[in-house]
Protein backbone atom coordinates (compact mmCIF):
# COMPACT_ATOMS: atom_id res chain seq x y z
CA MET A 1 24.98 0.58 -11.95
CA SER A 2 24.50 -2.25 -9.28
CA ALA A 3 23.37 -5.60 -9.56
CA GLY A 4 20.26 -4.88 -7.51
CA TRP A 5 17.65 -1.93 -7.86
CA ASN A 6 19.06 1.65 -8.51
CA THR A 7 17.00 5.03 -7.10
CA ILE A 8 14.64 6.63 -9.71
CA GLU A 9 13.56 9.97 -9.49
CA SER A 10 10.05 10.99 -9.02
CA ASP A 11 9.47 12.63 -12.40
CA ALA A 12 6.43 12.37 -14.66
CA GLY A 13 8.41 11.88 -17.74
CA VAL A 14 10.52 9.34 -15.97
CA PHE A 15 7.38 7.29 -14.87
CA THR A 16 5.62 7.67 -18.40
CA TYR A 17 8.64 6.10 -20.55
CA LEU A 18 9.67 3.37 -17.67
CA LEU A 19 5.94 1.86 -18.58
CA THR A 20 5.65 2.51 -22.38
CA THR A 21 9.13 2.34 -23.74
CA ASN A 22 10.30 -0.96 -22.58
CA LEU A 23 6.81 -2.75 -20.45
CA GLY A 24 4.58 -2.44 -23.35
CA VAL A 25 1.70 -0.26 -21.67
CA ARG A 26 0.05 1.56 -23.74
CA ASP A 27 -2.10 5.07 -23.47
CA VAL A 28 -1.05 5.77 -19.63
CA GLN A 29 1.08 8.78 -18.53
CA PHE A 30 1.74 10.23 -15.28
CA GLU A 31 1.45 14.26 -14.60
CA GLU A 32 2.47 16.05 -11.32
CA LEU A 33 0.15 17.70 -9.51
CA ILE A 34 1.44 21.08 -8.39
CA ALA A 35 -0.95 21.52 -5.61
CA LEU A 36 -3.47 19.39 -3.40
CA ASP A 37 -6.52 20.25 -5.43
CA ALA A 38 -9.38 17.95 -5.94
CA ASP A 39 -10.81 20.51 -9.34
CA LEU A 40 -6.96 20.26 -10.75
CA LEU A 41 -6.90 16.45 -10.21
CA ARG A 42 -10.19 16.19 -11.58
CA GLN A 43 -9.02 18.19 -14.73
CA GLN A 44 -6.73 15.01 -15.87
CA ALA A 45 -9.57 12.41 -15.56
CA PRO A 46 -9.48 9.38 -16.33
CA ILE A 47 -7.65 9.19 -13.12
CA TYR A 48 -6.52 5.48 -12.39
CA GLY A 49 -4.38 6.66 -9.29
CA VAL A 50 -1.75 8.94 -7.78
CA ILE A 51 1.74 7.96 -6.33
CA PHE A 52 3.20 9.82 -3.43
CA LEU A 53 6.16 10.26 -2.38
CA PHE A 54 7.48 11.61 1.24
CA LYS A 55 10.32 11.57 3.39
CA TYR A 56 9.77 8.17 5.43
CA PRO A 57 9.80 8.38 9.29
CA THR A 58 12.53 5.71 9.90
CA GLY A 59 12.15 6.21 13.58
CA GLU A 60 8.78 5.21 13.56
CA LYS A 61 7.75 1.77 15.23
CA PRO A 62 5.41 -0.51 13.46
CA SER A 63 1.86 -1.01 14.74
CA ASP A 64 -1.37 -3.01 14.73
CA THR A 65 -2.93 -0.44 12.89
CA PRO A 66 -2.60 2.63 10.82
CA ARG A 67 -2.30 5.95 11.54
CA ASP A 68 -4.80 6.75 9.41
CA GLY A 69 -7.72 4.13 7.29
CA SER A 70 -7.98 0.37 8.60
CA PHE A 71 -6.27 -2.63 7.39
CA ASP A 72 -7.81 -4.62 4.74
CA TYR A 73 -6.41 -8.10 4.62
CA GLU A 74 -9.10 -9.79 2.61
CA ALA A 75 -8.03 -6.92 0.02
CA ALA A 76 -4.46 -8.24 0.15
CA GLU A 77 -5.79 -11.27 -1.67
CA SER A 78 -8.15 -10.32 -4.01
CA LEU A 79 -6.40 -6.89 -5.02
CA PHE A 80 -2.57 -7.03 -6.89
CA PHE A 81 -0.63 -5.98 -3.53
CA ALA A 82 3.37 -6.80 -2.96
CA ALA A 83 5.39 -6.36 -0.26
CA GLN A 84 8.54 -4.30 -0.80
CA THR A 85 11.25 -6.95 -0.16
CA ILE A 86 14.07 -4.75 -1.14
CA GLN A 87 15.51 -1.32 -1.07
CA ASN A 88 14.74 1.28 -4.22
CA ALA A 89 12.18 -0.86 -5.72
CA CYS A 90 9.19 1.28 -3.99
CA GLY A 91 8.73 3.72 -7.19
CA THR A 92 8.27 1.08 -9.56
CA GLN A 93 6.47 -1.22 -7.32
CA ALA A 94 4.16 2.04 -6.26
CA LEU A 95 3.31 2.25 -9.84
CA LEU A 96 2.57 -1.24 -10.83
CA SER A 97 0.87 -1.24 -7.52
CA VAL A 98 -2.04 0.75 -10.01
CA LEU A 99 -1.32 -0.63 -12.75
CA LEU A 100 -1.76 -4.11 -12.32
CA ASN A 101 -5.39 -3.49 -10.84
CA LYS A 102 -6.37 -1.46 -13.87
CA GLU A 103 -5.93 -4.34 -16.25
CA GLY A 104 -9.46 -3.78 -17.85
CA GLU A 105 -8.83 -0.67 -18.14
CA VAL A 106 -5.56 -0.32 -19.19
CA GLU A 107 -3.27 -1.90 -21.90
CA ILE A 108 -0.62 -3.31 -19.72
CA GLY A 109 1.30 -5.51 -22.40
CA GLU A 110 2.28 -9.01 -22.24
CA GLY A 111 5.53 -8.84 -19.96
CA LEU A 112 3.21 -7.37 -16.91
CA ARG A 113 0.35 -9.35 -18.15
CA GLU A 114 2.11 -12.58 -17.54
CA PHE A 115 3.86 -11.67 -14.41
CA ARG A 116 0.18 -10.93 -12.91
CA GLU A 117 -0.97 -14.21 -13.73
CA PHE A 118 2.12 -15.89 -12.77
CA THR A 119 1.78 -14.18 -9.32
CA GLY A 120 -2.05 -13.96 -9.05
CA ALA A 121 -2.46 -16.58 -6.16
CA PHE A 122 0.60 -15.76 -4.14
CA PRO A 123 0.24 -14.08 -0.82
CA SER A 124 2.16 -10.68 -0.73
CA GLU A 125 5.10 -11.58 0.60
CA LEU A 126 5.85 -13.84 -2.19
CA ARG A 127 4.32 -11.38 -4.69
CA GLY A 128 6.72 -8.95 -3.53
CA GLU A 129 9.91 -11.18 -3.97
CA ALA A 130 8.58 -12.06 -7.27
CA LEU A 131 8.50 -8.68 -8.18
CA SER A 132 12.27 -7.99 -7.20
CA ASN A 133 13.56 -10.66 -9.08
CA SER A 134 11.89 -10.26 -11.98
CA GLU A 135 14.73 -9.33 -14.60
CA LEU A 136 12.23 -7.77 -17.04
CA ILE A 137 10.70 -5.20 -14.54
CA ARG A 138 14.23 -4.42 -12.98
CA ASP A 139 16.28 -4.13 -15.77
CA VAL A 140 13.66 -1.28 -17.13
CA HIS A 141 13.48 0.68 -13.81
CA ASN A 142 17.36 0.43 -13.52
CA SER A 143 17.51 1.94 -17.04
CA PHE A 144 15.77 5.37 -15.72
CA ALA A 145 18.28 5.53 -12.85
CA ARG A 146 20.91 8.49 -13.08
CA SER A 147 24.61 7.61 -14.52
CA SER A 148 27.02 8.84 -11.83
CA PRO A 149 30.29 7.00 -10.88
CA PHE A 150 29.67 8.09 -7.35
CA ILE A 151 26.69 5.67 -6.77
CA SER A 152 27.66 2.47 -3.98
CA GLY A 153 25.99 -0.58 -4.98
CA GLU A 154 26.52 -1.56 -1.13
CA GLN A 155 23.33 -1.10 0.72
CA ARG A 156 22.69 -0.58 4.50
CA MET A 157 19.83 -0.39 7.12
CA ALA A 158 18.76 3.29 7.31
CA THR A 159 19.20 5.09 10.42
CA GLU A 160 16.94 8.04 12.04
CA ASP A 161 19.47 10.52 10.68
CA ASP A 162 19.45 9.47 7.12
CA ASP A 163 16.66 11.33 5.00
CA VAL A 164 14.77 8.40 3.20
CA TYR A 165 12.11 8.83 0.73
CA HIS A 166 9.38 6.83 -0.24
CA PHE A 167 6.46 6.02 -2.98
CA ILE A 168 3.07 4.59 -2.02
CA ALA A 169 -0.09 4.16 -4.17
CA TYR A 170 -3.70 5.76 -3.85
CA THR A 171 -6.47 4.13 -5.97
CA SER A 172 -10.44 3.79 -6.46
CA LEU A 173 -10.51 -0.27 -6.23
CA ASN A 174 -14.05 -2.39 -5.69
CA GLY A 175 -15.85 0.85 -4.92
CA ALA A 176 -13.06 1.81 -1.73
CA LEU A 177 -10.19 4.29 -1.72
CA TYR A 178 -6.86 2.42 -1.07
CA GLU A 179 -3.45 2.86 0.04
CA LEU A 180 -1.25 0.57 -1.55
CA ASP A 181 1.96 0.65 0.34
CA GLY A 182 4.56 -2.57 0.20
CA LEU A 183 5.80 -1.51 3.87
CA GLN A 184 2.85 -2.40 5.40
CA PRO A 185 1.09 -5.72 5.69
CA ALA A 186 -1.54 -4.88 4.11
CA PRO A 187 -3.91 -2.28 1.74
CA ILE A 188 -5.10 0.18 3.77
CA SER A 189 -9.05 1.21 3.24
CA HIS A 190 -9.65 4.78 3.76
CA GLY A 191 -13.80 4.09 3.10
CA PRO A 192 -16.21 4.12 0.28
CA CYS A 193 -15.00 5.55 -3.07
CA THR A 194 -15.83 5.42 -6.94
CA PRO A 195 -13.76 6.51 -9.62
CA ASP A 196 -15.60 9.72 -9.91
CA GLN A 197 -15.37 10.66 -6.25
CA PHE A 198 -11.33 9.60 -6.07
CA PRO A 199 -10.56 13.32 -6.38
CA ASP A 200 -12.51 14.35 -3.51
CA LYS A 201 -11.47 11.63 -1.52
CA VAL A 202 -8.08 11.37 -1.82
CA ILE A 203 -6.69 14.68 -1.35
CA PRO A 204 -8.22 14.82 2.14
CA VAL A 205 -6.18 11.68 2.84
CA LEU A 206 -3.11 13.31 1.32
CA GLN A 207 -3.54 16.36 3.64
CA ARG A 208 -3.80 14.38 7.00
CA ARG A 209 -0.58 12.77 5.98
CA ILE A 210 1.11 15.76 5.06
CA GLU A 211 -0.12 17.09 8.55
CA ARG A 212 1.71 14.57 10.48
CA TYR A 213 4.98 16.77 9.43
CA PRO A 214 6.46 19.83 10.66
CA ALA A 215 5.12 22.70 8.75
CA ASN A 216 8.46 23.52 7.35
CA GLU A 217 8.68 20.31 5.66
CA ILE A 218 8.04 20.49 1.76
CA ARG A 219 9.69 17.39 0.22
CA PHE A 220 6.27 15.82 -1.05
CA ASN A 221 6.05 15.05 -4.77
CA LEU A 222 2.39 13.78 -6.07
CA LEU A 223 2.23 12.25 -9.53
CA ALA A 224 -1.64 11.11 -10.98
CA MET A 225 -1.34 8.31 -13.29
CA VAL A 226 -4.25 9.13 -16.04
CA ARG A 227 -4.79 8.29 -19.42
CA ASP A 228 -2.72 9.69 -22.60
CA LEU A 229 -3.66 13.22 -22.56
CA ARG A 230 -2.86 13.17 -26.20
CA ILE A 231 -5.89 10.61 -26.81
CA LYS A 232 -8.14 13.42 -24.67
CA ALA A 233 -6.76 16.49 -26.89
CA GLN A 234 -7.58 14.51 -30.19
CA GLU A 235 -11.21 13.45 -28.84
CA ILE A 236 -11.85 17.10 -28.11
CA GLY A 237 -10.13 18.54 -31.31
CA ASP A 238 -7.91 20.94 -29.25
CA GLN A 239 -4.99 21.19 -31.59
CA ASN A 240 -2.99 23.33 -28.95
CA MET A 241 -3.23 21.08 -25.96
CA LEU A 242 -2.20 18.33 -28.80
CA TYR A 243 0.79 20.18 -29.91
CA GLN A 244 1.92 20.70 -26.00
CA GLU A 245 1.42 17.05 -25.22
CA GLU A 246 3.65 16.41 -28.03
CA GLN A 247 6.36 18.74 -26.94
CA LYS A 248 6.25 17.76 -23.23
CA ARG A 249 7.06 14.21 -25.00
CA LYS A 250 10.17 15.59 -26.74
CA ALA A 251 11.22 17.07 -23.22
CA TRP A 252 10.68 14.02 -21.40
CA LYS A 253 12.46 12.18 -24.07
CA TRP A 254 15.50 14.51 -24.05
CA GLU A 255 15.84 14.69 -20.27
CA ASN A 256 15.63 10.74 -19.94
CA ALA A 257 18.63 10.40 -22.94
CA LEU A 258 20.62 12.69 -20.36
CA ARG A 259 20.15 10.62 -17.09
CA ARG A 260 21.72 7.67 -18.72
CA HIS A 261 25.01 9.47 -19.46
CA ASN A 262 27.96 10.10 -16.78
CA PHE A 263 29.22 13.60 -17.80
CA VAL A 264 32.01 13.55 -15.15
CA GLY A 265 34.69 12.58 -17.72
CA PHE A 266 33.29 15.10 -20.27
CA ILE A 267 33.57 17.82 -17.66
CA GLY A 268 37.31 16.60 -16.33
CA GLU A 269 38.56 16.67 -19.75
CA VAL A 270 36.63 20.27 -20.55
CA VAL A 271 38.52 21.93 -17.56
CA LYS A 272 41.72 20.23 -18.25
CA GLU A 273 41.65 21.78 -21.69
CA VAL A 274 40.57 25.12 -20.90
CA ALA A 275 43.58 24.70 -18.20
CA GLY A 276 46.12 23.85 -20.52
CA GLN A 277 44.89 26.84 -23.10
CA LYS A 278 45.44 29.45 -20.02
CA ILE A 279 49.12 27.83 -19.28
CA LYS A 280 49.72 28.03 -23.04
CA LEU A 281 48.84 31.81 -23.08
CA GLY A 282 50.72 32.61 -19.91
CA ALA A 283 47.69 33.59 -18.63
CA TYR A 284 46.79 30.74 -15.88
CA ASP A 285 47.71 32.19 -12.68
CA LYS A 286 46.22 35.30 -13.50
CA TRP A 287 42.67 33.48 -14.28
CA ILE A 288 43.54 31.75 -10.99
CA GLU A 289 43.88 35.04 -8.87
CA ASP A 290 40.49 36.53 -10.90
CA ALA A 291 38.32 33.30 -10.07
CA LYS A 292 39.49 33.92 -6.26
CA ALA A 293 38.75 37.59 -6.31
CA LYS A 294 35.06 36.76 -7.96
CA THR A 295 34.46 34.16 -4.82
CA ARG A 296 35.77 36.96 -2.43
CA ARG A 297 33.26 39.45 -3.59
CA ARG A 298 30.38 36.82 -3.55
CA TYR A 299 31.52 35.63 -0.26
CA GLU A 300 31.16 39.59 1.06
CA GLU A 301 28.01 40.27 -0.91
CA LYS A 302 25.92 37.34 0.78
CA LYS A 303 27.73 38.08 4.18
CA LYS A 304 26.45 42.10 4.10
CA ALA A 305 23.32 40.41 3.10
CA GLY A 306 23.00 38.29 6.20
CA GLN A 307 23.24 34.80 4.45
CA ASP A 308 25.08 31.90 5.99
CA VAL A 309 28.38 31.08 3.82
CA GLU A 310 31.29 29.40 4.77
CA GLU A 311 34.62 30.92 5.03
CA VAL A 312 36.66 31.21 1.68
CA GLY A 313 40.35 29.97 1.87
CA ALA A 314 42.87 32.42 0.71
């Protein structure tokens, strides 16, 4: 892990535990949405906002006006809006852009409450710097990054040939639908919107953004920040729903534990042990030849099926 901010996944379990495990946020979770459907989103109510992941157009030139909506510079002073000043922080920054604007609706925890109060009078650039330098937020963020010996801490400017992904947030605040993107100079207003109207208002905005991309571009992800669904299950007396939500939490906890471990060394030791046993039994050469033969057969099968394959070595 680097001393800076590491890349984290757009995953409901990652974001849920990131907020609730070490930051002290209560009764909040994330749900992945598999379709741009207002009714599907409405089923998760109450909804605090959504986090949208997309491929960032690195070749796009900055503009004084957004491609959709309008900049609201006054809102940048009244809402929690922070400029993104460091790479890899946009996922956590997007979810905090929703959460720290919902303090009256969500228990955000002492650490985040102190951070919001400390940065309340700052301009967006200073808020971004304060967020980037918060050891509490950075350490919690990095604790959910995948452990890998192949990740370099070196940072460089992205080029047009790089696949760069970016997180932004959408939420209903002060009677308007806002897009909160730390790479923009101010919040982007998409018109009037109440919390009840949010599902119907945000879906067309997301659809218009996706339509900017080629039809074969499918690398998008949408997560809704909602109230803990276990509370809803208890309120309506749905024991099956409560059981499913508890099982979901167990699965998230297990997956997050796996993310923290580097299995490269373990896999290497397993391969060495298997190879050693084959050598002891005098079966190593046959094992290698059988593996080559299976690879050739798979290659020929894919070639016959018309799939693109690379030439297999002898």
